[in-house]
């Protein structure tokens, strides 16, 4: 449980256990690929920094964020230890944003609750493209 004064975004590389020998699947949305591509790069770099071998990182793409659910479900059926789902949904003028965000969140949560492998939620939701581009990336 987090303490009140602890920023959960703080990252101390020494506090993360080594990940040598782990296999990680990443499912990344092609929609808003200027953002999701950068997030993918950050995820791969961070995994390697913690000892995951490049050959043990398996990346698959899906068209959009809603498809992260199905892609993550399929990836979890492979020999990976965990799945990272990466997507970016930017608010528009229609309720589409709300439906995609809610459906994707519920779908990924359902996979976590019913599956036997963790699905890491990497969906960012922003009001505009500038907010999406301002998301800090760990290197």
Protein backbone atom coordinates (compact mmCIF):
# COMPACT_ATOMS: atom_id res chain seq x y z
CA UNK A 1 0.00 0.00 0.00
CA UNK A 2 1.30 3.44 -0.92
CA UNK A 3 1.94 6.10 1.65
CA UNK A 4 0.46 9.54 1.27
CA UNK A 5 3.71 11.33 0.55
CA UNK A 6 5.12 8.73 -1.84
CA UNK A 7 4.95 9.57 -5.52
CA UNK A 8 4.10 6.31 -7.28
CA UNK A 9 5.73 7.66 -10.44
CA UNK A 10 9.13 7.75 -8.74
CA UNK A 11 11.33 5.04 -10.14
CA UNK A 12 14.33 3.57 -8.36
CA UNK A 13 16.06 0.99 -10.54
CA UNK A 14 17.59 -0.62 -7.45
CA UNK A 15 14.17 -1.38 -5.97
CA UNK A 16 13.13 -3.61 -8.89
CA UNK A 17 14.20 -7.26 -8.74
CA UNK A 18 16.23 -8.59 -11.67
CA UNK A 19 14.24 -10.11 -14.51
CA UNK A 20 16.79 -12.39 -16.16
CA UNK A 21 15.11 -15.43 -17.68
CA UNK A 22 11.68 -13.83 -17.84
CA UNK A 23 9.74 -13.71 -21.11
CA UNK A 24 7.52 -10.70 -21.67
CA UNK A 25 4.91 -10.15 -24.37
CA UNK A 26 4.03 -6.65 -25.46
CA UNK A 27 0.85 -5.90 -27.38
CA UNK A 28 0.90 -2.40 -28.83
CA UNK A 29 -1.75 -0.42 -30.66
CA UNK A 30 -0.88 1.00 -34.07
CA UNK A 31 -3.34 3.87 -33.58
CA UNK A 32 -1.49 7.03 -32.47
CA UNK A 33 1.75 5.20 -33.25
CA UNK A 34 3.87 8.29 -32.66
CA UNK A 35 2.88 7.91 -28.99
CA UNK A 36 2.59 4.12 -28.71
CA UNK A 37 5.88 3.65 -30.55
CA UNK A 38 7.65 5.81 -27.97
CA UNK A 39 5.93 3.94 -25.13
CA UNK A 40 6.97 0.63 -26.71
CA UNK A 41 10.56 1.81 -26.95
CA UNK A 42 10.49 2.85 -23.29
CA UNK A 43 9.04 -0.50 -22.22
CA UNK A 44 11.61 -2.52 -24.17
CA UNK A 45 14.49 -0.37 -22.90
CA UNK A 46 13.31 -0.71 -19.30
CA UNK A 47 12.84 -4.48 -19.56
CA UNK A 48 16.34 -4.88 -20.97
CA UNK A 49 17.75 -2.61 -18.27
CA UNK A 50 16.31 -5.07 -15.73
CA UNK A 51 17.83 -8.10 -17.42
CA UNK A 52 15.20 -9.34 -19.86
CA UNK A 53 17.03 -10.60 -22.94
CA UNK A 54 16.01 -9.02 -26.27
CA UNK A 55 15.01 -12.47 -27.59
CA UNK A 56 12.66 -12.85 -24.60
CA UNK A 57 10.64 -9.75 -25.50
CA UNK A 58 7.87 -10.61 -27.96
CA UNK A 59 6.01 -7.70 -29.61
CA UNK A 60 2.73 -7.92 -31.54
CA UNK A 61 0.66 -5.06 -32.90
CA UNK A 62 -3.09 -4.56 -33.01
CA UNK A 63 -4.98 -1.87 -34.96
CA UNK A 64 -6.36 0.10 -32.01
CA UNK A 65 -6.63 0.20 -28.25
CA UNK A 66 -9.86 -1.79 -28.08
CA UNK A 67 -8.08 -4.68 -29.78
CA UNK A 68 -5.52 -4.75 -26.96
CA UNK A 69 -7.95 -7.02 -25.12
CA UNK A 70 -7.94 -9.77 -27.74
CA UNK A 71 -4.25 -9.33 -28.49
CA UNK A 72 -3.35 -9.59 -24.81
CA UNK A 73 -5.54 -12.66 -24.39
CA UNK A 74 -3.77 -14.38 -27.29
CA UNK A 75 -0.33 -13.30 -26.08
CA UNK A 76 -1.06 -14.66 -22.60
CA UNK A 77 -1.62 -18.10 -24.17
CA UNK A 78 2.02 -18.18 -25.32
CA UNK A 79 5.07 -18.98 -23.20
CA UNK A 80 5.44 -15.44 -21.78
CA UNK A 81 5.48 -14.69 -18.05
CA UNK A 82 3.57 -11.42 -18.38
CA UNK A 83 1.93 -9.20 -21.00
CA UNK A 84 2.20 -5.43 -21.34
CA UNK A 85 -0.70 -3.78 -23.20
CA UNK A 86 0.25 -0.40 -24.69
CA UNK A 87 -2.26 1.99 -26.24
CA UNK A 88 -3.20 5.64 -26.49
CA UNK A 89 -6.71 7.07 -26.73
CA UNK A 90 -7.13 10.80 -27.32
CA UNK A 91 -10.45 12.50 -26.59
CA UNK A 92 -12.41 13.67 -29.59
CA UNK A 93 -15.77 15.34 -30.13
CA UNK A 94 -17.85 12.16 -29.81
CA UNK A 95 -18.50 9.67 -26.99
CA UNK A 96 -16.26 7.17 -28.82
CA UNK A 97 -13.42 8.07 -26.39
CA UNK A 98 -15.49 7.03 -23.37
CA UNK A 99 -16.58 3.74 -24.91
CA UNK A 100 -13.08 2.73 -25.99
CA UNK A 101 -11.48 3.72 -22.67
CA UNK A 102 -14.12 1.99 -20.57
CA UNK A 103 -14.29 -1.13 -22.72
CA UNK A 104 -10.55 -1.55 -22.95
CA UNK A 105 -10.07 -0.98 -19.23
CA UNK A 106 -12.81 -3.48 -18.32
CA UNK A 107 -11.51 -6.03 -20.83
CA UNK A 108 -7.93 -5.87 -19.57
CA UNK A 109 -9.13 -5.96 -15.96
CA UNK A 110 -11.19 -9.06 -16.76
CA UNK A 111 -8.13 -10.76 -18.24
CA UNK A 112 -6.21 -9.98 -15.05
CA UNK A 113 -8.98 -11.30 -12.83
CA UNK A 114 -9.58 -14.51 -14.74
CA UNK A 115 -6.22 -15.33 -16.30
CA UNK A 116 -3.09 -16.88 -14.88
CA UNK A 117 -0.61 -14.28 -16.20
CA UNK A 118 -0.44 -10.59 -15.33
CA UNK A 119 -1.60 -8.12 -17.95
CA UNK A 120 0.09 -4.78 -17.35
CA UNK A 121 -2.16 -1.83 -18.16
CA UNK A 122 -0.30 0.61 -20.38
CA UNK A 123 -3.24 2.52 -21.85
CA UNK A 124 -2.89 6.27 -21.67
CA UNK A 125 -5.95 8.43 -22.09
CA UNK A 126 -5.57 12.13 -22.78
CA UNK A 127 -7.62 15.14 -23.74
CA UNK A 128 -5.37 16.06 -26.67
CA UNK A 129 -2.27 15.02 -28.57
CA UNK A 130 -0.02 17.41 -26.65
CA UNK A 131 -0.89 15.69 -23.36
CA UNK A 132 -0.06 12.33 -24.94
CA UNK A 133 3.29 13.62 -26.14
CA UNK A 134 4.06 15.00 -22.67
CA UNK A 135 3.87 11.54 -21.02
CA UNK A 136 7.31 10.98 -19.48
CA UNK A 137 9.20 7.98 -20.79
CA UNK A 138 11.66 6.07 -18.64
CA UNK A 139 15.04 5.46 -20.24
